Amino acid sequence: MIKDELFYIKHINCLLSSNLNNLLNEYDITFQQSHVILYLIKHKDEDINQKRIEKAFGLKPSTVSGIIDRLRNKGFISKNKVENDGRNNYLFVTEKGLNLYDTLENNRKYINSEIFKDFTLEEKEKLNIYLEKMNDNLMNIGKENNIWLKHY
């Protein structure tokens, strides 16, 4: 009997978020906030604004604004006005945010190893193929409905 795949995907996402939020609790950040910090670190030589974060993660402006405000208040990122455009700001990770990089990567690696500890290499390779297909299918649906998300 085939069970509801969407239920399992949602359930796995909730478990993943809960476990990572628990690991990140001592640093006073959430899983979603950690993604923004990692994104800014990995793109530190580029001009990143709120709009780019919205597109990269497929989030609403109000959601990204809240994440940015919380990360700024906690000192993990800063915001600088763009010359000749007072409405636009570039986002930068601060030293405090940079200092979290190893912790964030180690937590990601730990969760990844725990999730896949009972998988064979062949099973992981097949899963990646299936996940890529699902991602591509959802990206195509998004294009049809003018929902633009960056491919991960």
C-alpha atoms as a PDB file:
ATOM      1  CA  MET A   1       0.000   0.000   0.000  1.00  0.00           C
ATOM      2  CA  ILE A   2       1.368   3.414  -0.989  1.00  0.00           C
ATOM      3  CA  LYS A   3       1.168   5.995   1.752  1.00  0.00           C
ATOM      4  CA  ASP A   4       0.781   9.710   1.172  1.00  0.00           C
ATOM      5  CA  GLU A   5       4.220  10.845  -0.011  1.00  0.00           C
ATOM      6  CA  LEU A   6       3.432  14.519   0.543  1.00  0.00           C
ATOM      7  CA  PHE A   7       2.638  13.801   4.185  1.00  0.00           C
ATOM      8  CA  TYR A   8       6.022  12.144   4.640  1.00  0.00           C
ATOM      9  CA  ILE A   9       7.874  14.959   2.907  1.00  0.00           C
ATOM     10  CA  LYS A  10       6.138  17.550   5.109  1.00  0.00           C
ATOM     11  CA  HIS A  11       6.718  15.432   8.209  1.00  0.00           C
ATOM     12  CA  ILE A  12      10.420  14.999   7.390  1.00  0.00           C
ATOM     13  CA  ASN A  13      10.717  18.747   6.814  1.00  0.00           C
ATOM     14  CA  CYS A  14       9.129  19.427  10.216  1.00  0.00           C
ATOM     15  CA  LEU A  15      11.422  16.927  11.947  1.00  0.00           C
ATOM     16  CA  LEU A  16      14.464  18.363  10.198  1.00  0.00           C
ATOM     17  CA  SER A  17      13.536  21.919  11.168  1.00  0.00           C
ATOM     18  CA  SER A  18      12.780  20.924  14.771  1.00  0.00           C
ATOM     19  CA  ASN A  19      16.064  19.064  15.186  1.00  0.00           C
ATOM     20  CA  LEU A  20      18.120  21.863  13.662  1.00  0.00           C
ATOM     21  CA  ASN A  21      16.248  24.523  15.643  1.00  0.00           C
ATOM     22  CA  ASN A  22      17.060  22.543  18.776  1.00  0.00           C
ATOM     23  CA  LEU A  23      20.762  22.413  17.863  1.00  0.00           C
ATOM     24  CA  LEU A  24      20.795  26.147  17.085  1.00  0.00           C
ATOM     25  CA  ASN A  25      18.836  27.223  20.157  1.00  0.00           C
ATOM     26  CA  GLU A  26      21.967  27.980  22.181  1.00  0.00           C
ATOM     27  CA  TYR A  27      23.041  30.486  19.486  1.00  0.00           C
ATOM     28  CA  ASP A  28      19.627  32.213  19.547  1.00  0.00           C
ATOM     29  CA  ILE A  29      18.931  31.593  15.854  1.00  0.00           C
ATOM     30  CA  THR A  30      16.516  29.423  13.928  1.00  0.00           C
ATOM     31  CA  PHE A  31      17.115  26.984  11.096  1.00  0.00           C
ATOM     32  CA  GLN A  32      15.681  29.502   8.622  1.00  0.00           C
ATOM     33  CA  GLN A  33      17.852  32.315  10.002  1.00  0.00           C
ATOM     34  CA  SER A  34      20.911  30.066   9.723  1.00  0.00           C
ATOM     35  CA  HIS A  35      20.174  29.604   6.011  1.00  0.00           C
ATOM     36  CA  VAL A  36      20.304  33.366   5.493  1.00  0.00           C
ATOM     37  CA  ILE A  37      23.589  33.640   7.403  1.00  0.00           C
ATOM     38  CA  LEU A  38      25.130  30.798   5.363  1.00  0.00           C
ATOM     39  CA  TYR A  39      23.835  32.341   2.134  1.00  0.00           C
ATOM     40  CA  LEU A  40      25.414  35.694   2.987  1.00  0.00           C
ATOM     41  CA  ILE A  41      28.697  34.017   3.923  1.00  0.00           C
ATOM     42  CA  LYS A  42      28.800  31.972   0.721  1.00  0.00           C
ATOM     43  CA  HIS A  43      27.996  35.083  -1.355  1.00  0.00           C
ATOM     44  CA  LYS A  44      30.018  37.591   0.683  1.00  0.00           C
ATOM     45  CA  ASP A  45      31.737  39.013  -2.409  1.00  0.00           C
ATOM     46  CA  GLU A  46      28.418  39.823  -4.075  1.00  0.00           C
ATOM     47  CA  ASP A  47      25.874  42.577  -3.568  1.00  0.00           C
ATOM     48  CA  ILE A  48      23.016  40.884  -1.714  1.00  0.00           C
ATOM     49  CA  ASN A  49      19.797  42.718  -0.962  1.00  0.00           C
ATOM     50  CA  GLN A  50      16.493  41.620   0.546  1.00  0.00           C
ATOM     51  CA  LYS A  51      14.979  40.935  -2.872  1.00  0.00           C
ATOM     52  CA  ARG A  52      17.740  38.454  -3.678  1.00  0.00           C
ATOM     53  CA  ILE A  53      17.136  36.608  -0.389  1.00  0.00           C
ATOM     54  CA  GLU A  54      13.413  36.477  -1.212  1.00  0.00           C
ATOM     55  CA  LYS A  55      14.101  34.924  -4.609  1.00  0.00           C
ATOM     56  CA  ALA A  56      16.796  32.539  -3.380  1.00  0.00           C
ATOM     57  CA  PHE A  57      14.554  31.054  -0.696  1.00  0.00           C
ATOM     58  CA  GLY A  58      11.112  31.624  -2.208  1.00  0.00           C
ATOM     59  CA  LEU A  59       9.948  33.689   0.765  1.00  0.00           C
ATOM     60  CA  LYS A  60       7.553  36.605   1.010  1.00  0.00           C
ATOM     61  CA  PRO A  61       9.004  40.105   1.551  1.00  0.00           C
ATOM     62  CA  SER A  62       7.456  40.331   5.026  1.00  0.00           C
ATOM     63  CA  THR A  63       9.045  37.019   6.068  1.00  0.00           C
ATOM     64  CA  VAL A  64      12.487  38.042   4.837  1.00  0.00           C
ATOM     65  CA  SER A  65      12.129  41.468   6.440  1.00  0.00           C
ATOM     66  CA  GLY A  66      11.420  39.789   9.795  1.00  0.00           C
ATOM     67  CA  ILE A  67      14.406  37.441   9.439  1.00  0.00           C
ATOM     68  CA  ILE A  68      16.694  40.325   8.530  1.00  0.00           C
ATOM     69  CA  ASP A  69      15.462  42.478  11.412  1.00  0.00           C
ATOM     70  CA  ARG A  70      15.979  39.675  13.944  1.00  0.00           C
ATOM     71  CA  LEU A  71      19.444  38.831  12.623  1.00  0.00           C
ATOM     72  CA  ARG A  72      20.408  42.526  12.661  1.00  0.00           C
ATOM     73  CA  ASN A  73      19.106  42.973  16.221  1.00  0.00           C
ATOM     74  CA  LYS A  74      21.165  39.963  17.309  1.00  0.00           C
ATOM     75  CA  GLY A  75      24.256  41.346  15.569  1.00  0.00           C
ATOM     76  CA  PHE A  76      24.684  38.557  12.976  1.00  0.00           C
ATOM     77  CA  ILE A  77      24.194  40.742   9.897  1.00  0.00           C
ATOM     78  CA  SER A  78      24.321  44.420   8.992  1.00  0.00           C
ATOM     79  CA  LYS A  79      22.602  46.503   6.353  1.00  0.00           C
ATOM     80  CA  ASN A  80      24.160  49.323   4.325  1.00  0.00           C
ATOM     81  CA  LYS A  81      22.373  51.744   2.004  1.00  0.00           C
ATOM     82  CA  VAL A  82      23.143  51.517  -1.694  1.00  0.00           C
ATOM     83  CA  GLU A  83      24.695  54.682  -3.080  1.00  0.00           C
ATOM     84  CA  ASN A  84      22.247  56.697  -5.192  1.00  0.00           C
ATOM     85  CA  ASP A  85      19.333  54.470  -4.105  1.00  0.00           C
ATOM     86  CA  GLY A  86      18.106  55.204  -0.587  1.00  0.00           C
ATOM     87  CA  ARG A  87      15.411  52.542  -0.836  1.00  0.00           C
ATOM     88  CA  ASN A  88      17.813  49.661  -1.393  1.00  0.00           C
ATOM     89  CA  ASN A  89      20.179  48.110   1.152  1.00  0.00           C
ATOM     90  CA  TYR A  90      22.943  45.558   0.850  1.00  0.00           C
ATOM     91  CA  LEU A  91      23.198  42.880   3.498  1.00  0.00           C
ATOM     92  CA  PHE A  92      26.477  41.763   5.040  1.00  0.00           C
ATOM     93  CA  VAL A  93      27.341  39.123   7.556  1.00  0.00           C
ATOM     94  CA  THR A  94      29.129  40.535  10.625  1.00  0.00           C
ATOM     95  CA  GLU A  95      32.091  39.060  12.462  1.00  0.00           C
ATOM     96  CA  LYS A  96      29.636  37.506  14.908  1.00  0.00           C
ATOM     97  CA  GLY A  97      27.826  35.860  11.991  1.00  0.00           C
ATOM     98  CA  LEU A  98      31.090  34.704  10.410  1.00  0.00           C
ATOM     99  CA  ASN A  99      32.073  33.108  13.705  1.00  0.00           C
ATOM    100  CA  LEU A 100      29.004  30.853  13.421  1.00  0.00           C
ATOM    101  CA  TYR A 101      30.041  29.360  10.081  1.00  0.00           C
ATOM    102  CA  ASP A 102      31.841  26.291  11.449  1.00  0.00           C
ATOM    103  CA  THR A 103      29.039  25.607  13.929  1.00  0.00           C
ATOM    104  CA  LEU A 104      26.360  25.872  11.243  1.00  0.00           C
ATOM    105  CA  GLU A 105      28.274  23.633   8.860  1.00  0.00           C
ATOM    106  CA  ASN A 106      29.019  21.084  11.593  1.00  0.00           C
ATOM    107  CA  ASN A 107      25.330  20.976  12.590  1.00  0.00           C
ATOM    108  CA  ARG A 108      24.343  20.504   8.961  1.00  0.00           C
ATOM    109  CA  LYS A 109      26.859  17.686   8.537  1.00  0.00           C
ATOM    110  CA  TYR A 110      25.771  16.043  11.793  1.00  0.00           C
ATOM    111  CA  ILE A 111      22.073  16.038  10.863  1.00  0.00           C
ATOM    112  CA  ASN A 112      22.917  14.866   7.352  1.00  0.00           C
ATOM    113  CA  SER A 113      24.959  11.951   8.697  1.00  0.00           C
ATOM    114  CA  GLU A 114      22.190  10.993  11.141  1.00  0.00           C
ATOM    115  CA  ILE A 115      19.492  11.114   8.480  1.00  0.00           C
ATOM    116  CA  PHE A 116      21.436   8.869   6.123  1.00  0.00           C
ATOM    117  CA  LYS A 117      23.268   6.614   8.572  1.00  0.00           C
ATOM    118  CA  ASP A 118      21.306   3.518   7.547  1.00  0.00           C
ATOM    119  CA  PHE A 119      21.412   4.234   3.799  1.00  0.00           C
ATOM    120  CA  THR A 120      23.683   2.517   1.334  1.00  0.00           C
ATOM    121  CA  LEU A 121      25.528   4.637  -1.208  1.00  0.00           C
ATOM    122  CA  GLU A 122      23.212   3.293  -3.898  1.00  0.00           C
ATOM    123  CA  GLU A 123      20.124   4.293  -1.893  1.00  0.00           C
ATOM    124  CA  LYS A 124      21.466   7.811  -1.384  1.00  0.00           C
ATOM    125  CA  GLU A 125      22.247   8.140  -5.092  1.00  0.00           C
ATOM    126  CA  LYS A 126      18.734   6.992  -6.033  1.00  0.00           C
ATOM    127  CA  LEU A 127      17.188   9.331  -3.489  1.00  0.00           C
ATOM    128  CA  ASN A 128      19.137  12.257  -4.964  1.00  0.00           C
ATOM    129  CA  ILE A 129      17.830  11.372  -8.427  1.00  0.00           C
ATOM    130  CA  TYR A 130      14.256  11.287  -7.115  1.00  0.00           C
ATOM    131  CA  LEU A 131      14.679  14.541  -5.192  1.00  0.00           C
ATOM    132  CA  GLU A 132      16.129  16.266  -8.259  1.00  0.00           C
ATOM    133  CA  LYS A 133      13.162  15.097 -10.333  1.00  0.00           C
ATOM    134  CA  MET A 134      10.719  16.348  -7.694  1.00  0.00           C
ATOM    135  CA  ASN A 135      12.549  19.676  -7.494  1.00  0.00           C
ATOM    136  CA  ASP A 136      12.546  20.067 -11.284  1.00  0.00           C
ATOM    137  CA  ASN A 137       8.840  19.218 -11.482  1.00  0.00           C
ATOM    138  CA  LEU A 138       7.995  21.740  -8.780  1.00  0.00           C
ATOM    139  CA  MET A 139      10.195  24.370 -10.432  1.00  0.00           C
ATOM    140  CA  ASN A 140       8.296  23.821 -13.691  1.00  0.00           C
ATOM    141  CA  ILE A 141       4.956  24.194 -11.921  1.00  0.00           C
ATOM    142  CA  GLY A 142       6.328  27.362 -10.313  1.00  0.00           C
ATOM    143  CA  LYS A 143       7.320  28.774 -13.696  1.00  0.00           C
ATOM    144  CA  GLU A 144       3.834  28.079 -15.029  1.00  0.00           C
ATOM    145  CA  ASN A 145       2.384  29.978 -12.068  1.00  0.00           C
ATOM    146  CA  ASN A 146       5.008  32.757 -12.034  1.00  0.00           C
ATOM    147  CA  ILE A 147       6.595  31.485  -8.834  1.00  0.00           C
ATOM    148  CA  TRP A 148      10.330  31.955  -9.212  1.00  0.00           C
ATOM    149  CA  LEU A 149      12.617  30.036  -6.927  1.00  0.00           C
ATOM    150  CA  LYS A 150      16.317  29.593  -7.325  1.00  0.00           C
ATOM    151  CA  HIS A 151      17.495  26.060  -8.055  1.00  0.00           C
ATOM    152  CA  TYR A 152      19.518  24.824  -5.076  1.00  0.00           C
END
